[in-house]
Amino acid sequence: MRTGILAALLAPTATYTSASAIPQHQSRNTCPDIPTFQATDYNWGCSPGGCSSSFNLTAAAGYRAGAPGFNVKCSPIFIQQLWVPCRNADGSELPATSRVEAIWTQGPDYERQFLGVAHIYLREDGKTVNATARTDILPVRGEPMKFLFPVTIIS
């Protein structure tokens, strides 16, 4: 009986000790050095053929050393679940030396939309860089939204 009481008294201490040893991750709001891409005018809709979205995406030149800026329109399609090339605002294609692609994938929560964008560009030294950003949003139907894509992978 004493062993059970002692275990019950020590359990909260063990839980506190083990939880305090877990490494903490800073949220996006506390990591000012993470580059971001800005999405605006996000709209989406679904039909029997699938769901699609459309948004403007921008990044300033130098968001990362040597990175060119961009201002594009992206239209990923959920049913495809493939990377879709974004286009210039006038509908023209981007140059091969600096292109942007977007994807809308399925995630664990059906109420949220899981989106990704990648900026693939050629550096001055001839090496290709892929800056990939992902986010998930809780969409609002019929109201254009804006949000950030934090760049989490640079290869």
N, C-alpha and C. Protein backbone atom coordinates (compact mmCIF):
# COMPACT_ATOMS: atom_id res chain seq x y z
N MET A 1 0.82 -1.19 0.00
CA MET A 1 0.00 0.00 0.00
C MET A 1 0.87 1.25 0.00
N ARG A 2 1.94 1.23 0.84
CA ARG A 2 2.82 2.39 0.90
C ARG A 2 3.49 2.64 -0.44
N THR A 3 3.83 1.58 -1.13
CA THR A 3 4.48 1.73 -2.43
C THR A 3 3.55 2.44 -3.41
N GLY A 4 2.27 2.10 -3.40
CA GLY A 4 1.30 2.74 -4.29
C GLY A 4 1.14 4.21 -3.98
N ILE A 5 1.10 4.57 -2.70
CA ILE A 5 0.96 5.98 -2.30
C ILE A 5 2.21 6.75 -2.70
N LEU A 6 3.38 6.16 -2.46
CA LEU A 6 4.64 6.82 -2.81
C LEU A 6 4.72 7.02 -4.33
N ALA A 7 4.33 6.04 -5.10
CA ALA A 7 4.35 6.17 -6.56
C ALA A 7 3.39 7.27 -7.01
N ALA A 8 2.22 7.36 -6.39
CA ALA A 8 1.25 8.39 -6.76
C ALA A 8 1.79 9.79 -6.44
N LEU A 9 2.53 9.91 -5.34
CA LEU A 9 3.10 11.21 -4.98
C LEU A 9 4.26 11.61 -5.89
N LEU A 10 5.03 10.65 -6.35
CA LEU A 10 6.19 10.95 -7.18
C LEU A 10 5.87 11.08 -8.67
N ALA A 11 4.74 10.59 -9.10
CA ALA A 11 4.40 10.61 -10.53
C ALA A 11 4.39 12.02 -11.12
N PRO A 12 3.79 13.03 -10.47
CA PRO A 12 3.83 14.37 -11.07
C PRO A 12 5.25 14.91 -11.21
N THR A 13 6.13 14.59 -10.25
CA THR A 13 7.52 15.04 -10.33
C THR A 13 8.22 14.40 -11.51
N ALA A 14 7.99 13.11 -11.72
CA ALA A 14 8.61 12.42 -12.85
C ALA A 14 8.11 12.98 -14.17
N THR A 15 6.83 13.26 -14.24
CA THR A 15 6.27 13.84 -15.46
C THR A 15 6.86 15.20 -15.73
N TYR A 16 6.98 16.04 -14.71
CA TYR A 16 7.54 17.38 -14.88
C TYR A 16 9.00 17.29 -15.32
N THR A 17 9.75 16.40 -14.70
CA THR A 17 11.17 16.25 -15.04
C THR A 17 11.33 15.78 -16.47
N SER A 18 10.56 14.77 -16.89
CA SER A 18 10.73 14.26 -18.25
C SER A 18 10.24 15.27 -19.28
N ALA A 19 9.18 16.01 -18.99
CA ALA A 19 8.68 17.00 -19.94
C ALA A 19 9.65 18.17 -20.08
N SER A 20 10.34 18.52 -19.01
CA SER A 20 11.27 19.65 -19.10
C SER A 20 12.50 19.29 -19.93
N ALA A 21 12.76 18.01 -20.12
CA ALA A 21 13.92 17.59 -20.91
C ALA A 21 13.63 17.57 -22.41
N ILE A 22 12.37 17.71 -22.80
CA ILE A 22 12.01 17.70 -24.22
C ILE A 22 12.48 19.00 -24.85
N PRO A 23 13.21 18.93 -25.96
CA PRO A 23 13.66 20.17 -26.61
C PRO A 23 12.47 21.01 -27.06
N GLN A 24 12.58 22.29 -26.89
CA GLN A 24 11.51 23.21 -27.28
C GLN A 24 11.78 23.76 -28.67
N HIS A 25 10.74 23.91 -29.47
CA HIS A 25 10.86 24.49 -30.81
C HIS A 25 10.25 25.87 -30.79
N GLN A 26 10.96 26.84 -31.31
CA GLN A 26 10.43 28.19 -31.37
C GLN A 26 9.36 28.26 -32.45
N SER A 27 8.32 29.01 -32.17
CA SER A 27 7.29 29.18 -33.19
C SER A 27 7.80 30.11 -34.28
N ARG A 28 7.07 30.15 -35.41
CA ARG A 28 7.46 31.01 -36.53
C ARG A 28 7.55 32.46 -36.09
N ASN A 29 6.70 32.85 -35.14
CA ASN A 29 6.67 34.25 -34.71
C ASN A 29 7.92 34.65 -33.94
N THR A 30 8.66 33.68 -33.42
CA THR A 30 9.84 34.02 -32.64
C THR A 30 11.13 33.72 -33.39
N CYS A 31 11.05 33.40 -34.66
CA CYS A 31 12.22 33.12 -35.49
C CYS A 31 12.30 34.16 -36.60
N PRO A 32 12.78 35.36 -36.30
CA PRO A 32 12.75 36.43 -37.30
C PRO A 32 13.66 36.20 -38.50
N ASP A 33 14.63 35.29 -38.41
CA ASP A 33 15.57 35.09 -39.50
C ASP A 33 15.07 34.12 -40.56
N ILE A 34 13.92 33.51 -40.35
CA ILE A 34 13.39 32.58 -41.35
C ILE A 34 12.77 33.40 -42.48
N PRO A 35 13.25 33.21 -43.71
CA PRO A 35 12.63 33.95 -44.82
C PRO A 35 11.21 33.45 -45.05
N THR A 36 10.37 34.34 -45.56
CA THR A 36 8.98 33.98 -45.83
C THR A 36 8.57 34.48 -47.21
N PHE A 37 7.58 33.80 -47.77
CA PHE A 37 6.93 34.23 -48.99
C PHE A 37 5.53 34.70 -48.58
N GLN A 38 5.06 35.80 -49.15
CA GLN A 38 3.75 36.37 -48.80
C GLN A 38 2.69 35.94 -49.82
N ALA A 39 1.64 35.30 -49.33
CA ALA A 39 0.50 34.93 -50.17
C ALA A 39 -0.63 35.92 -49.91
N THR A 40 -1.26 36.41 -50.99
CA THR A 40 -2.40 37.32 -50.86
C THR A 40 -3.49 36.89 -51.84
N ASP A 41 -4.67 37.40 -51.61
CA ASP A 41 -5.82 37.12 -52.47
C ASP A 41 -6.05 35.62 -52.66
N TYR A 42 -5.92 34.85 -51.58
CA TYR A 42 -6.13 33.41 -51.65
C TYR A 42 -7.63 33.12 -51.75
N ASN A 43 -8.00 32.40 -52.78
CA ASN A 43 -9.38 31.95 -52.99
C ASN A 43 -9.34 30.48 -53.38
N TRP A 44 -10.42 29.78 -53.08
CA TRP A 44 -10.48 28.36 -53.43
C TRP A 44 -11.93 27.95 -53.66
N GLY A 45 -12.07 26.81 -54.31
CA GLY A 45 -13.40 26.27 -54.56
C GLY A 45 -13.30 24.83 -55.02
N CYS A 46 -14.42 24.13 -54.95
CA CYS A 46 -14.45 22.72 -55.34
C CYS A 46 -15.61 22.48 -56.30
N SER A 47 -15.42 21.47 -57.13
CA SER A 47 -16.45 21.02 -58.06
C SER A 47 -16.37 19.49 -58.07
N PRO A 48 -17.24 18.82 -58.80
CA PRO A 48 -17.14 17.36 -58.86
C PRO A 48 -15.78 16.87 -59.38
N GLY A 49 -15.08 17.70 -60.14
CA GLY A 49 -13.79 17.31 -60.68
C GLY A 49 -12.62 17.52 -59.74
N GLY A 50 -12.83 18.17 -58.62
CA GLY A 50 -11.75 18.41 -57.67
C GLY A 50 -11.80 19.82 -57.12
N CYS A 51 -10.77 20.17 -56.37
CA CYS A 51 -10.68 21.48 -55.74
C CYS A 51 -9.47 22.22 -56.29
N SER A 52 -9.61 23.53 -56.45
CA SER A 52 -8.49 24.34 -56.92
C SER A 52 -8.42 25.61 -56.10
N SER A 53 -7.27 26.23 -56.13
CA SER A 53 -7.07 27.49 -55.42
C SER A 53 -6.28 28.43 -56.30
N SER A 54 -6.25 29.67 -55.90
CA SER A 54 -5.51 30.69 -56.64
C SER A 54 -5.04 31.74 -55.64
N PHE A 55 -3.78 32.16 -55.78
CA PHE A 55 -3.26 33.20 -54.89
C PHE A 55 -2.06 33.87 -55.54
N ASN A 56 -1.83 35.11 -55.11
CA ASN A 56 -0.63 35.84 -55.52
C ASN A 56 0.46 35.51 -54.50
N LEU A 57 1.68 35.41 -54.97
CA LEU A 57 2.80 35.06 -54.10
C LEU A 57 3.97 35.97 -54.42
N THR A 58 4.56 36.57 -53.38
CA THR A 58 5.68 37.48 -53.58
C THR A 58 6.80 37.20 -52.59
N ALA A 59 8.00 37.55 -53.03
CA ALA A 59 9.18 37.55 -52.15
C ALA A 59 10.10 38.64 -52.66
N ALA A 60 10.69 39.36 -51.74
CA ALA A 60 11.62 40.43 -52.11
C ALA A 60 12.95 39.84 -52.53
N ALA A 61 13.61 40.51 -53.46
CA ALA A 61 14.97 40.10 -53.84
C ALA A 61 15.84 40.13 -52.59
N GLY A 62 16.68 39.12 -52.44
CA GLY A 62 17.56 39.05 -51.28
C GLY A 62 16.91 38.46 -50.04
N TYR A 63 15.73 37.82 -50.17
CA TYR A 63 15.14 37.16 -49.00
C TYR A 63 16.13 36.15 -48.43
N ARG A 64 17.02 35.71 -49.29
CA ARG A 64 18.19 34.91 -48.95
C ARG A 64 19.31 35.45 -49.83
N ALA A 65 20.52 35.46 -49.34
CA ALA A 65 21.64 36.03 -50.09
C ALA A 65 21.67 35.49 -51.52
N GLY A 66 21.60 36.39 -52.49
CA GLY A 66 21.67 36.02 -53.90
C GLY A 66 20.36 35.60 -54.53
N ALA A 67 19.28 35.57 -53.75
CA ALA A 67 17.99 35.13 -54.30
C ALA A 67 17.29 36.27 -55.03
N PRO A 68 16.80 36.00 -56.24
CA PRO A 68 16.00 37.02 -56.92
C PRO A 68 14.60 37.09 -56.31
N GLY A 69 13.97 38.22 -56.43
CA GLY A 69 12.60 38.34 -55.96
C GLY A 69 11.63 37.81 -57.00
N PHE A 70 10.38 37.68 -56.62
CA PHE A 70 9.35 37.26 -57.58
C PHE A 70 7.99 37.80 -57.15
N ASN A 71 7.09 37.89 -58.12
CA ASN A 71 5.71 38.32 -57.91
C ASN A 71 4.88 37.52 -58.91
N VAL A 72 4.25 36.43 -58.43
CA VAL A 72 3.61 35.47 -59.33
C VAL A 72 2.18 35.16 -58.88
N LYS A 73 1.47 34.45 -59.75
CA LYS A 73 0.14 33.93 -59.44
C LYS A 73 0.22 32.41 -59.49
N CYS A 74 -0.22 31.77 -58.41
CA CYS A 74 -0.16 30.30 -58.31
C CYS A 74 -1.58 29.74 -58.25
N SER A 75 -1.75 28.56 -58.85
CA SER A 75 -3.08 27.92 -58.89
C SER A 75 -2.96 26.41 -58.71
N PRO A 76 -2.58 25.95 -57.51
CA PRO A 76 -2.50 24.50 -57.31
C PRO A 76 -3.88 23.85 -57.29
N ILE A 77 -3.91 22.59 -57.69
CA ILE A 77 -5.15 21.82 -57.77
C ILE A 77 -5.04 20.64 -56.82
N PHE A 78 -6.00 20.51 -55.90
CA PHE A 78 -5.93 19.47 -54.88
C PHE A 78 -5.97 18.07 -55.46
N ILE A 79 -6.83 17.81 -56.38
CA ILE A 79 -6.99 16.45 -56.89
C ILE A 79 -5.72 15.94 -57.57
N GLN A 80 -4.93 16.85 -58.16
CA GLN A 80 -3.70 16.44 -58.84
C GLN A 80 -2.61 16.06 -57.85
N GLN A 81 -2.48 16.81 -56.78
CA GLN A 81 -1.43 16.63 -55.79
C GLN A 81 -0.05 16.60 -56.43
N LEU A 82 0.16 17.44 -57.42
CA LEU A 82 1.46 17.59 -58.07
C LEU A 82 1.87 19.05 -58.01
N TRP A 83 3.17 19.29 -58.21
CA TRP A 83 3.67 20.66 -58.27
C TRP A 83 3.19 21.30 -59.57
N VAL A 84 2.62 22.48 -59.46
CA VAL A 84 2.09 23.23 -60.59
C VAL A 84 2.91 24.50 -60.76
N PRO A 85 3.38 24.80 -61.98
CA PRO A 85 4.15 26.03 -62.19
C PRO A 85 3.28 27.27 -61.94
N CYS A 86 3.84 28.24 -61.23
CA CYS A 86 3.18 29.54 -61.07
C CYS A 86 3.56 30.38 -62.28
N ARG A 87 2.82 31.45 -62.51
CA ARG A 87 3.05 32.30 -63.68
C ARG A 87 3.19 33.75 -63.25
N ASN A 88 3.77 34.54 -64.14
CA ASN A 88 3.81 35.99 -63.91
C ASN A 88 2.38 36.52 -63.85
N ALA A 89 2.22 37.71 -63.30
CA ALA A 89 0.89 38.30 -63.16
C ALA A 89 0.16 38.44 -64.50
N ASP A 90 0.92 38.62 -65.59
CA ASP A 90 0.30 38.75 -66.92
C ASP A 90 0.01 37.40 -67.57
N GLY A 91 0.26 36.30 -66.85
CA GLY A 91 0.00 34.96 -67.37
C GLY A 91 1.16 34.32 -68.10
N SER A 92 2.24 35.06 -68.30
CA SER A 92 3.39 34.51 -69.01
C SER A 92 4.20 33.59 -68.09
N GLU A 93 4.98 32.73 -68.72
CA GLU A 93 5.81 31.79 -67.97
C GLU A 93 7.01 32.51 -67.37
N LEU A 94 7.50 31.95 -66.28
CA LEU A 94 8.71 32.48 -65.64
C LEU A 94 9.94 31.96 -66.38
N PRO A 95 11.06 32.67 -66.28
CA PRO A 95 12.28 32.17 -66.93
C PRO A 95 12.79 30.92 -66.22
N ALA A 96 13.51 30.09 -66.93
CA ALA A 96 14.05 28.85 -66.36
C ALA A 96 15.03 29.13 -65.23
N THR A 97 15.61 30.32 -65.19
CA THR A 97 16.60 30.65 -64.16
C THR A 97 15.97 31.06 -62.83
N SER A 98 14.66 31.27 -62.80
CA SER A 98 13.97 31.63 -61.56
C SER A 98 12.49 31.29 -61.72
N ARG A 99 12.11 30.12 -61.22
CA ARG A 99 10.72 29.70 -61.37
C ARG A 99 10.12 29.38 -59.99
N VAL A 100 8.80 29.41 -59.93
CA VAL A 100 8.08 29.14 -58.69
C VAL A 100 7.02 28.10 -58.99
N GLU A 101 6.87 27.14 -58.08
CA GLU A 101 5.86 26.10 -58.22
C GLU A 101 5.06 26.00 -56.93
N ALA A 102 3.82 25.50 -57.03
CA ALA A 102 2.95 25.37 -55.85
C ALA A 102 2.30 23.99 -55.85
N ILE A 103 1.93 23.55 -54.65
CA ILE A 103 1.26 22.25 -54.49
C ILE A 103 0.24 22.36 -53.36
N TRP A 104 -0.86 21.62 -53.50
CA TRP A 104 -1.90 21.51 -52.48
C TRP A 104 -2.03 20.03 -52.18
N THR A 105 -1.64 19.60 -50.98
CA THR A 105 -1.63 18.19 -50.63
C THR A 105 -2.64 17.88 -49.54
N GLN A 106 -2.90 16.61 -49.36
CA GLN A 106 -3.78 16.16 -48.30
C GLN A 106 -3.00 16.13 -47.00
N GLY A 107 -3.65 16.50 -45.92
CA GLY A 107 -3.02 16.46 -44.61
C GLY A 107 -3.88 15.68 -43.64
N PRO A 108 -3.45 15.64 -42.38
CA PRO A 108 -4.18 14.85 -41.39
C PRO A 108 -5.51 15.46 -40.96
N ASP A 109 -5.73 16.75 -41.24
CA ASP A 109 -6.94 17.44 -40.83
C ASP A 109 -7.68 17.92 -42.07
N TYR A 110 -8.86 17.38 -42.32
CA TYR A 110 -9.59 17.71 -43.55
C TYR A 110 -10.14 19.14 -43.56
N GLU A 111 -10.21 19.79 -42.41
CA GLU A 111 -10.70 21.17 -42.37
C GLU A 111 -9.63 22.15 -42.83
N ARG A 112 -8.37 21.75 -42.79
CA ARG A 112 -7.27 22.63 -43.15
C ARG A 112 -6.79 22.31 -44.57
N GLN A 113 -6.15 23.30 -45.18
CA GLN A 113 -5.54 23.09 -46.50
C GLN A 113 -4.03 23.13 -46.33
N PHE A 114 -3.35 22.15 -46.87
CA PHE A 114 -1.90 22.00 -46.74
C PHE A 114 -1.26 22.40 -48.07
N LEU A 115 -0.53 23.50 -48.04
CA LEU A 115 0.02 24.10 -49.25
C LEU A 115 1.54 24.17 -49.18
N GLY A 116 2.15 24.10 -50.34
CA GLY A 116 3.60 24.26 -50.42
C GLY A 116 3.96 25.09 -51.64
N VAL A 117 5.06 25.81 -51.54
CA VAL A 117 5.59 26.56 -52.68
C VAL A 117 7.11 26.36 -52.71
N ALA A 118 7.66 26.39 -53.90
CA ALA A 118 9.11 26.25 -54.06
C ALA A 118 9.60 27.29 -55.05
N HIS A 119 10.68 27.97 -54.67
CA HIS A 119 11.34 28.92 -55.57
C HIS A 119 12.64 28.25 -55.99
N ILE A 120 12.76 27.92 -57.25
CA ILE A 120 13.94 27.26 -57.80
C ILE A 120 14.65 28.28 -58.68
N TYR A 121 15.88 28.62 -58.28
CA TYR A 121 16.59 29.65 -59.04
C TYR A 121 18.05 29.29 -59.22
N LEU A 122 18.66 29.92 -60.21
CA LEU A 122 20.06 29.71 -60.54
C LEU A 122 20.88 30.83 -59.93
N ARG A 123 21.85 30.46 -59.09
CA ARG A 123 22.73 31.46 -58.49
C ARG A 123 23.73 31.95 -59.52
N GLU A 124 24.40 33.06 -59.19
CA GLU A 124 25.40 33.62 -60.10
C GLU A 124 26.55 32.66 -60.35
N ASP A 125 26.84 31.78 -59.38
CA ASP A 125 27.93 30.82 -59.55
C ASP A 125 27.51 29.58 -60.34
N GLY A 126 26.25 29.56 -60.84
CA GLY A 126 25.78 28.46 -61.66
C GLY A 126 25.10 27.34 -60.91
N LYS A 127 25.02 27.41 -59.58
CA LYS A 127 24.37 26.36 -58.79
C LYS A 127 22.88 26.66 -58.66
N THR A 128 22.09 25.59 -58.68
CA THR A 128 20.64 25.71 -58.53
C THR A 128 20.26 25.63 -57.06
N VAL A 129 19.38 26.52 -56.63
CA VAL A 129 18.89 26.55 -55.25
C VAL A 129 17.39 26.30 -55.28
N ASN A 130 16.91 25.49 -54.34
CA ASN A 130 15.49 25.23 -54.17
C ASN A 130 15.11 25.68 -52.76
N ALA A 131 14.34 26.75 -52.67
CA ALA A 131 13.84 27.25 -51.38
C ALA A 131 12.38 26.83 -51.27
N THR A 132 12.09 25.88 -50.39
CA THR A 132 10.75 25.33 -50.27
C THR A 132 10.10 25.79 -48.97
N ALA A 133 8.83 26.14 -49.09
CA ALA A 133 8.06 26.60 -47.93
C ALA A 133 6.73 25.87 -47.90
N ARG A 134 6.28 25.56 -46.70
CA ARG A 134 4.99 24.88 -46.55
C ARG A 134 4.21 25.55 -45.42
N THR A 135 2.91 25.48 -45.54
CA THR A 135 2.04 25.98 -44.47
C THR A 135 0.71 25.26 -44.56
N ASP A 136 -0.06 25.36 -43.52
CA ASP A 136 -1.44 24.88 -43.57
C ASP A 136 -2.32 26.00 -43.03
N ILE A 137 -3.48 26.14 -43.65
CA ILE A 137 -4.39 27.21 -43.28
C ILE A 137 -5.78 26.66 -43.04
N LEU A 138 -6.56 27.38 -42.25
CA LEU A 138 -7.97 27.10 -42.09
C LEU A 138 -8.68 28.07 -43.02
N PRO A 139 -9.13 27.60 -44.18
CA PRO A 139 -9.65 28.51 -45.20
C PRO A 139 -11.00 29.12 -44.83
N VAL A 140 -11.22 30.31 -45.34
CA VAL A 140 -12.50 30.99 -45.20
C VAL A 140 -13.09 31.08 -46.60
N ARG A 141 -14.25 30.49 -46.79
CA ARG A 141 -14.87 30.46 -48.12
C ARG A 141 -15.42 31.84 -48.48
N GLY A 142 -15.10 32.26 -49.72
CA GLY A 142 -15.65 33.50 -50.23
C GLY A 142 -14.94 34.77 -49.80
N GLU A 143 -13.92 34.67 -48.96
CA GLU A 143 -13.17 35.84 -48.51
C GLU A 143 -11.71 35.66 -48.87
N PRO A 144 -11.14 36.56 -49.68
CA PRO A 144 -9.71 36.44 -49.99
C PRO A 144 -8.88 36.49 -48.70
N MET A 145 -7.89 35.64 -48.62
CA MET A 145 -7.06 35.55 -47.43
C MET A 145 -5.62 35.93 -47.76
N LYS A 146 -4.86 36.26 -46.73
CA LYS A 146 -3.43 36.44 -46.89
C LYS A 146 -2.73 35.73 -45.74
N PHE A 147 -1.54 35.20 -46.02
CA PHE A 147 -0.78 34.46 -45.02
C PHE A 147 0.65 34.32 -45.50
N LEU A 148 1.51 33.84 -44.62
CA LEU A 148 2.93 33.66 -44.94
C LEU A 148 3.26 32.20 -45.13
N PHE A 149 4.21 31.96 -46.01
CA PHE A 149 4.84 30.65 -46.18
C PHE A 149 6.25 30.76 -45.60
N PRO A 150 6.55 30.15 -44.46
CA PRO A 150 7.93 30.17 -43.96
C PRO A 150 8.80 29.20 -44.77
N VAL A 151 9.95 29.67 -45.21
CA VAL A 151 10.88 28.82 -45.97
C VAL A 151 11.60 27.93 -44.97
N THR A 152 11.40 26.63 -45.09
CA THR A 152 11.98 25.69 -44.13
C THR A 152 13.02 24.77 -44.73
N ILE A 153 13.08 24.68 -46.04
CA ILE A 153 14.07 23.81 -46.69
C ILE A 153 14.78 24.61 -47.77
N ILE A 154 16.10 24.65 -47.70
CA ILE A 154 16.89 25.28 -48.75
C ILE A 154 17.94 24.26 -49.17
N SER A 155 17.87 23.86 -50.42
CA SER A 155 18.83 22.85 -50.90
C SER A 155 19.43 23.28 -52.22
